[in-house]
Amino acid sequence: MKSFGISRMNNSFKTIVASSIIVGMTLLCYFISIGSGLISDDYKILVQGMNGFNDHQFFRPGTFWLNMALFGRSACLYHLCNVILHAGNALLIWFIAAQWFKVELPSSRPFLTAIFFVCWPTHVDSVVWISGAASVFSTFYF
């Protein structure tokens, strides 16, 4: 006969390990962007001060002003914020996938969904470019 405390502790430990792996994979995939400096439209936005808009009007001024208020013109901190928010998005995807699949959290299907979300190549522009930060912000706050 199993004790509920031991099985709960094992489940919570597995959940902590799985969430740590998801965050670790995010850092592994995007750690190089943290020190990469300005990329593509980032120079126009941060150095030339285009007030949050680039030539194509894709960059939303709310995220630009929030980043500017928090980090000034430090490209490293902008990139770090994007990576942390992407890890948070992956954890949210993990929780949503667990509810969608109707399973408890240490299950493999939601975990793999979150790992695919972290490593999917189309997210690179949003996470690495400062001018693409609006996508990461809007996913997190949606």
C-alpha atoms as a PDB file:
ATOM      1  CA  MET A   1       0.000   0.000   0.000  1.00  0.00           C
ATOM      2  CA  LYS A   2       1.485   3.335  -1.103  1.00  0.00           C
ATOM      3  CA  SER A   3       1.543   6.379   1.076  1.00  0.00           C
ATOM      4  CA  PHE A   4       0.084   9.508  -0.481  1.00  0.00           C
ATOM      5  CA  GLY A   5       2.900  11.666   0.859  1.00  0.00           C
ATOM      6  CA  ILE A   6       5.636   9.690  -0.898  1.00  0.00           C
ATOM      7  CA  SER A   7       3.865   9.574  -4.252  1.00  0.00           C
ATOM      8  CA  ARG A   8       3.071  13.292  -4.013  1.00  0.00           C
ATOM      9  CA  MET A   9       6.684  14.062  -3.196  1.00  0.00           C
ATOM     10  CA  ASN A  10       7.825  12.025  -6.179  1.00  0.00           C
ATOM     11  CA  ASN A  11       5.342  13.814  -8.443  1.00  0.00           C
ATOM     12  CA  SER A  12       6.365  17.231  -7.195  1.00  0.00           C
ATOM     13  CA  PHE A  13      10.043  16.320  -7.555  1.00  0.00           C
ATOM     14  CA  LYS A  14       9.420  15.140 -11.120  1.00  0.00           C
ATOM     15  CA  THR A  15       7.561  18.372 -11.850  1.00  0.00           C
ATOM     16  CA  ILE A  16      10.455  20.454 -10.527  1.00  0.00           C
ATOM     17  CA  VAL A  17      12.969  18.448 -12.549  1.00  0.00           C
ATOM     18  CA  ALA A  18      10.874  18.715 -15.726  1.00  0.00           C
ATOM     19  CA  SER A  19      10.390  22.472 -15.328  1.00  0.00           C
ATOM     20  CA  SER A  20      14.126  22.868 -14.690  1.00  0.00           C
ATOM     21  CA  ILE A  21      14.872  20.963 -17.891  1.00  0.00           C
ATOM     22  CA  ILE A  22      12.507  23.227 -19.846  1.00  0.00           C
ATOM     23  CA  VAL A  23      14.155  26.377 -18.470  1.00  0.00           C
ATOM     24  CA  GLY A  24      17.599  24.835 -18.995  1.00  0.00           C
ATOM     25  CA  MET A  25      16.810  24.017 -22.619  1.00  0.00           C
ATOM     26  CA  THR A  26      15.697  27.601 -23.158  1.00  0.00           C
ATOM     27  CA  LEU A  27      18.954  28.913 -21.737  1.00  0.00           C
ATOM     28  CA  LEU A  28      20.951  26.385 -23.749  1.00  0.00           C
ATOM     29  CA  CYS A  29      19.245  27.366 -27.000  1.00  0.00           C
ATOM     30  CA  TYR A  30      19.434  31.132 -26.514  1.00  0.00           C
ATOM     31  CA  PHE A  31      22.324  31.860 -24.133  1.00  0.00           C
ATOM     32  CA  ILE A  32      24.528  33.065 -26.981  1.00  0.00           C
ATOM     33  CA  SER A  33      22.070  35.847 -27.766  1.00  0.00           C
ATOM     34  CA  ILE A  34      22.466  37.413 -24.323  1.00  0.00           C
ATOM     35  CA  GLY A  35      25.903  38.807 -25.134  1.00  0.00           C
ATOM     36  CA  SER A  36      25.396  39.268 -28.859  1.00  0.00           C
ATOM     37  CA  GLY A  37      24.744  43.002 -28.840  1.00  0.00           C
ATOM     38  CA  LEU A  38      22.534  44.702 -31.386  1.00  0.00           C
ATOM     39  CA  ILE A  39      21.169  42.689 -34.291  1.00  0.00           C
ATOM     40  CA  SER A  40      19.343  43.848 -37.443  1.00  0.00           C
ATOM     41  CA  ASP A  41      16.759  46.556 -36.570  1.00  0.00           C
ATOM     42  CA  ASP A  42      17.963  46.745 -32.976  1.00  0.00           C
ATOM     43  CA  TYR A  43      20.486  49.429 -33.870  1.00  0.00           C
ATOM     44  CA  LYS A  44      17.785  51.690 -35.316  1.00  0.00           C
ATOM     45  CA  ILE A  45      15.567  51.237 -32.288  1.00  0.00           C
ATOM     46  CA  LEU A  46      18.097  51.584 -29.470  1.00  0.00           C
ATOM     47  CA  VAL A  47      20.821  53.824 -30.874  1.00  0.00           C
ATOM     48  CA  GLN A  48      18.955  56.043 -33.313  1.00  0.00           C
ATOM     49  CA  GLY A  49      15.920  56.208 -31.020  1.00  0.00           C
ATOM     50  CA  MET A  50      13.023  55.612 -33.347  1.00  0.00           C
ATOM     51  CA  ASN A  51      10.556  55.751 -30.439  1.00  0.00           C
ATOM     52  CA  GLY A  52       9.683  52.087 -30.703  1.00  0.00           C
ATOM     53  CA  PHE A  53       8.886  51.874 -34.399  1.00  0.00           C
ATOM     54  CA  ASN A  54      10.950  50.447 -37.221  1.00  0.00           C
ATOM     55  CA  ASP A  55      10.427  50.985 -40.948  1.00  0.00           C
ATOM     56  CA  HIS A  56       7.764  48.280 -41.158  1.00  0.00           C
ATOM     57  CA  GLN A  57       5.807  49.296 -38.024  1.00  0.00           C
ATOM     58  CA  PHE A  58       6.143  45.789 -36.542  1.00  0.00           C
ATOM     59  CA  PHE A  59       7.619  46.856 -33.225  1.00  0.00           C
ATOM     60  CA  ARG A  60       5.045  47.859 -30.636  1.00  0.00           C
ATOM     61  CA  PRO A  61       5.954  50.929 -28.595  1.00  0.00           C
ATOM     62  CA  GLY A  62       4.646  49.537 -25.264  1.00  0.00           C
ATOM     63  CA  THR A  63       7.325  46.864 -25.061  1.00  0.00           C
ATOM     64  CA  PHE A  64       9.989  49.325 -26.177  1.00  0.00           C
ATOM     65  CA  TRP A  65       9.077  51.845 -23.490  1.00  0.00           C
ATOM     66  CA  LEU A  66       8.879  49.153 -20.796  1.00  0.00           C
ATOM     67  CA  ASN A  67      12.310  47.793 -21.723  1.00  0.00           C
ATOM     68  CA  MET A  68      13.724  51.305 -21.929  1.00  0.00           C
ATOM     69  CA  ALA A  69      12.367  52.160 -18.467  1.00  0.00           C
ATOM     70  CA  LEU A  70      13.747  48.955 -16.938  1.00  0.00           C
ATOM     71  CA  PHE A  71      17.078  48.544 -18.716  1.00  0.00           C
ATOM     72  CA  GLY A  72      18.004  51.817 -20.413  1.00  0.00           C
ATOM     73  CA  ARG A  73      20.038  51.067 -23.526  1.00  0.00           C
ATOM     74  CA  SER A  74      21.674  47.847 -22.318  1.00  0.00           C
ATOM     75  CA  ALA A  75      21.314  45.324 -25.138  1.00  0.00           C
ATOM     76  CA  CYS A  76      22.468  42.485 -22.878  1.00  0.00           C
ATOM     77  CA  LEU A  77      19.574  43.028 -20.463  1.00  0.00           C
ATOM     78  CA  TYR A  78      17.059  43.304 -23.323  1.00  0.00           C
ATOM     79  CA  HIS A  79      18.210  39.922 -24.638  1.00  0.00           C
ATOM     80  CA  LEU A  80      18.181  38.395 -21.148  1.00  0.00           C
ATOM     81  CA  CYS A  81      14.612  39.622 -20.623  1.00  0.00           C
ATOM     82  CA  ASN A  82      13.532  38.033 -23.921  1.00  0.00           C
ATOM     83  CA  VAL A  83      15.138  34.701 -22.986  1.00  0.00           C
ATOM     84  CA  ILE A  84      13.535  34.688 -19.522  1.00  0.00           C
ATOM     85  CA  LEU A  85      10.136  35.516 -20.985  1.00  0.00           C
ATOM     86  CA  HIS A  86      10.543  32.753 -23.580  1.00  0.00           C
ATOM     87  CA  ALA A  87      11.277  30.288 -20.766  1.00  0.00           C
ATOM     88  CA  GLY A  88       8.157  31.526 -18.997  1.00  0.00           C
ATOM     89  CA  ASN A  89       6.177  31.052 -22.209  1.00  0.00           C
ATOM     90  CA  ALA A  90       7.455  27.481 -22.462  1.00  0.00           C
ATOM     91  CA  LEU A  91       6.322  26.756 -18.898  1.00  0.00           C
ATOM     92  CA  LEU A  92       2.906  28.210 -19.703  1.00  0.00           C
ATOM     93  CA  ILE A  93       2.710  26.027 -22.807  1.00  0.00           C
ATOM     94  CA  TRP A  94       3.592  23.058 -20.604  1.00  0.00           C
ATOM     95  CA  PHE A  95       0.717  23.801 -18.207  1.00  0.00           C
ATOM     96  CA  ILE A  96      -1.742  24.462 -21.042  1.00  0.00           C
ATOM     97  CA  ALA A  97      -0.725  21.267 -22.851  1.00  0.00           C
ATOM     98  CA  ALA A  98      -1.234  19.260 -19.649  1.00  0.00           C
ATOM     99  CA  GLN A  99      -4.791  20.543 -19.421  1.00  0.00           C
ATOM    100  CA  TRP A 100      -5.379  20.006 -23.110  1.00  0.00           C
ATOM    101  CA  PHE A 101      -4.129  16.405 -22.993  1.00  0.00           C
ATOM    102  CA  LYS A 102      -5.977  15.923 -19.664  1.00  0.00           C
ATOM    103  CA  VAL A 103      -2.965  14.469 -17.878  1.00  0.00           C
ATOM    104  CA  GLU A 104      -1.016  15.297 -14.749  1.00  0.00           C
ATOM    105  CA  LEU A 105       2.080  17.418 -15.185  1.00  0.00           C
ATOM    106  CA  PRO A 106       5.006  15.015 -15.063  1.00  0.00           C
ATOM    107  CA  SER A 107       3.539  13.394 -18.211  1.00  0.00           C
ATOM    108  CA  SER A 108       5.688  13.188 -21.326  1.00  0.00           C
ATOM    109  CA  ARG A 109       3.320  14.703 -23.932  1.00  0.00           C
ATOM    110  CA  PRO A 110       3.056  18.169 -22.341  1.00  0.00           C
ATOM    111  CA  PHE A 111       6.775  18.079 -21.587  1.00  0.00           C
ATOM    112  CA  LEU A 112       7.671  17.343 -25.212  1.00  0.00           C
ATOM    113  CA  THR A 113       5.261  20.045 -26.360  1.00  0.00           C
ATOM    114  CA  ALA A 114       7.087  22.597 -24.217  1.00  0.00           C
ATOM    115  CA  ILE A 115      10.511  21.385 -25.394  1.00  0.00           C
ATOM    116  CA  PHE A 116       9.411  21.672 -29.043  1.00  0.00           C
ATOM    117  CA  PHE A 117       8.119  25.170 -28.303  1.00  0.00           C
ATOM    118  CA  VAL A 118      11.486  26.157 -26.822  1.00  0.00           C
ATOM    119  CA  CYS A 119      13.559  24.750 -29.684  1.00  0.00           C
ATOM    120  CA  TRP A 120      11.280  25.594 -32.611  1.00  0.00           C
ATOM    121  CA  PRO A 121      13.336  27.631 -35.124  1.00  0.00           C
ATOM    122  CA  THR A 122      10.641  30.205 -35.903  1.00  0.00           C
ATOM    123  CA  HIS A 123      10.952  31.661 -32.396  1.00  0.00           C
ATOM    124  CA  VAL A 124      14.553  32.725 -32.945  1.00  0.00           C
ATOM    125  CA  ASP A 125      13.701  36.142 -34.410  1.00  0.00           C
ATOM    126  CA  SER A 126      11.328  36.986 -31.577  1.00  0.00           C
ATOM    127  CA  VAL A 127      13.693  35.888 -28.826  1.00  0.00           C
ATOM    128  CA  VAL A 128      17.021  37.075 -30.244  1.00  0.00           C
ATOM    129  CA  TRP A 129      16.070  40.395 -31.832  1.00  0.00           C
ATOM    130  CA  ILE A 130      15.179  43.226 -29.494  1.00  0.00           C
ATOM    131  CA  SER A 131      12.832  44.540 -32.173  1.00  0.00           C
ATOM    132  CA  GLY A 132      10.933  41.230 -31.994  1.00  0.00           C
ATOM    133  CA  ALA A 133      10.368  41.424 -28.250  1.00  0.00           C
ATOM    134  CA  ALA A 134       6.704  42.299 -28.700  1.00  0.00           C
ATOM    135  CA  SER A 135       5.954  38.711 -29.753  1.00  0.00           C
ATOM    136  CA  VAL A 136       7.560  37.291 -26.624  1.00  0.00           C
ATOM    137  CA  PHE A 137       5.797  39.835 -24.396  1.00  0.00           C
ATOM    138  CA  SER A 138       2.391  39.343 -25.991  1.00  0.00           C
ATOM    139  CA  THR A 139       2.644  35.557 -25.742  1.00  0.00           C
ATOM    140  CA  PHE A 140       3.513  35.782 -22.047  1.00  0.00           C
ATOM    141  CA  TYR A 141       0.756  38.248 -21.178  1.00  0.00           C
ATOM    142  CA  PHE A 142      -1.920  36.733 -23.429  1.00  0.00           C
END
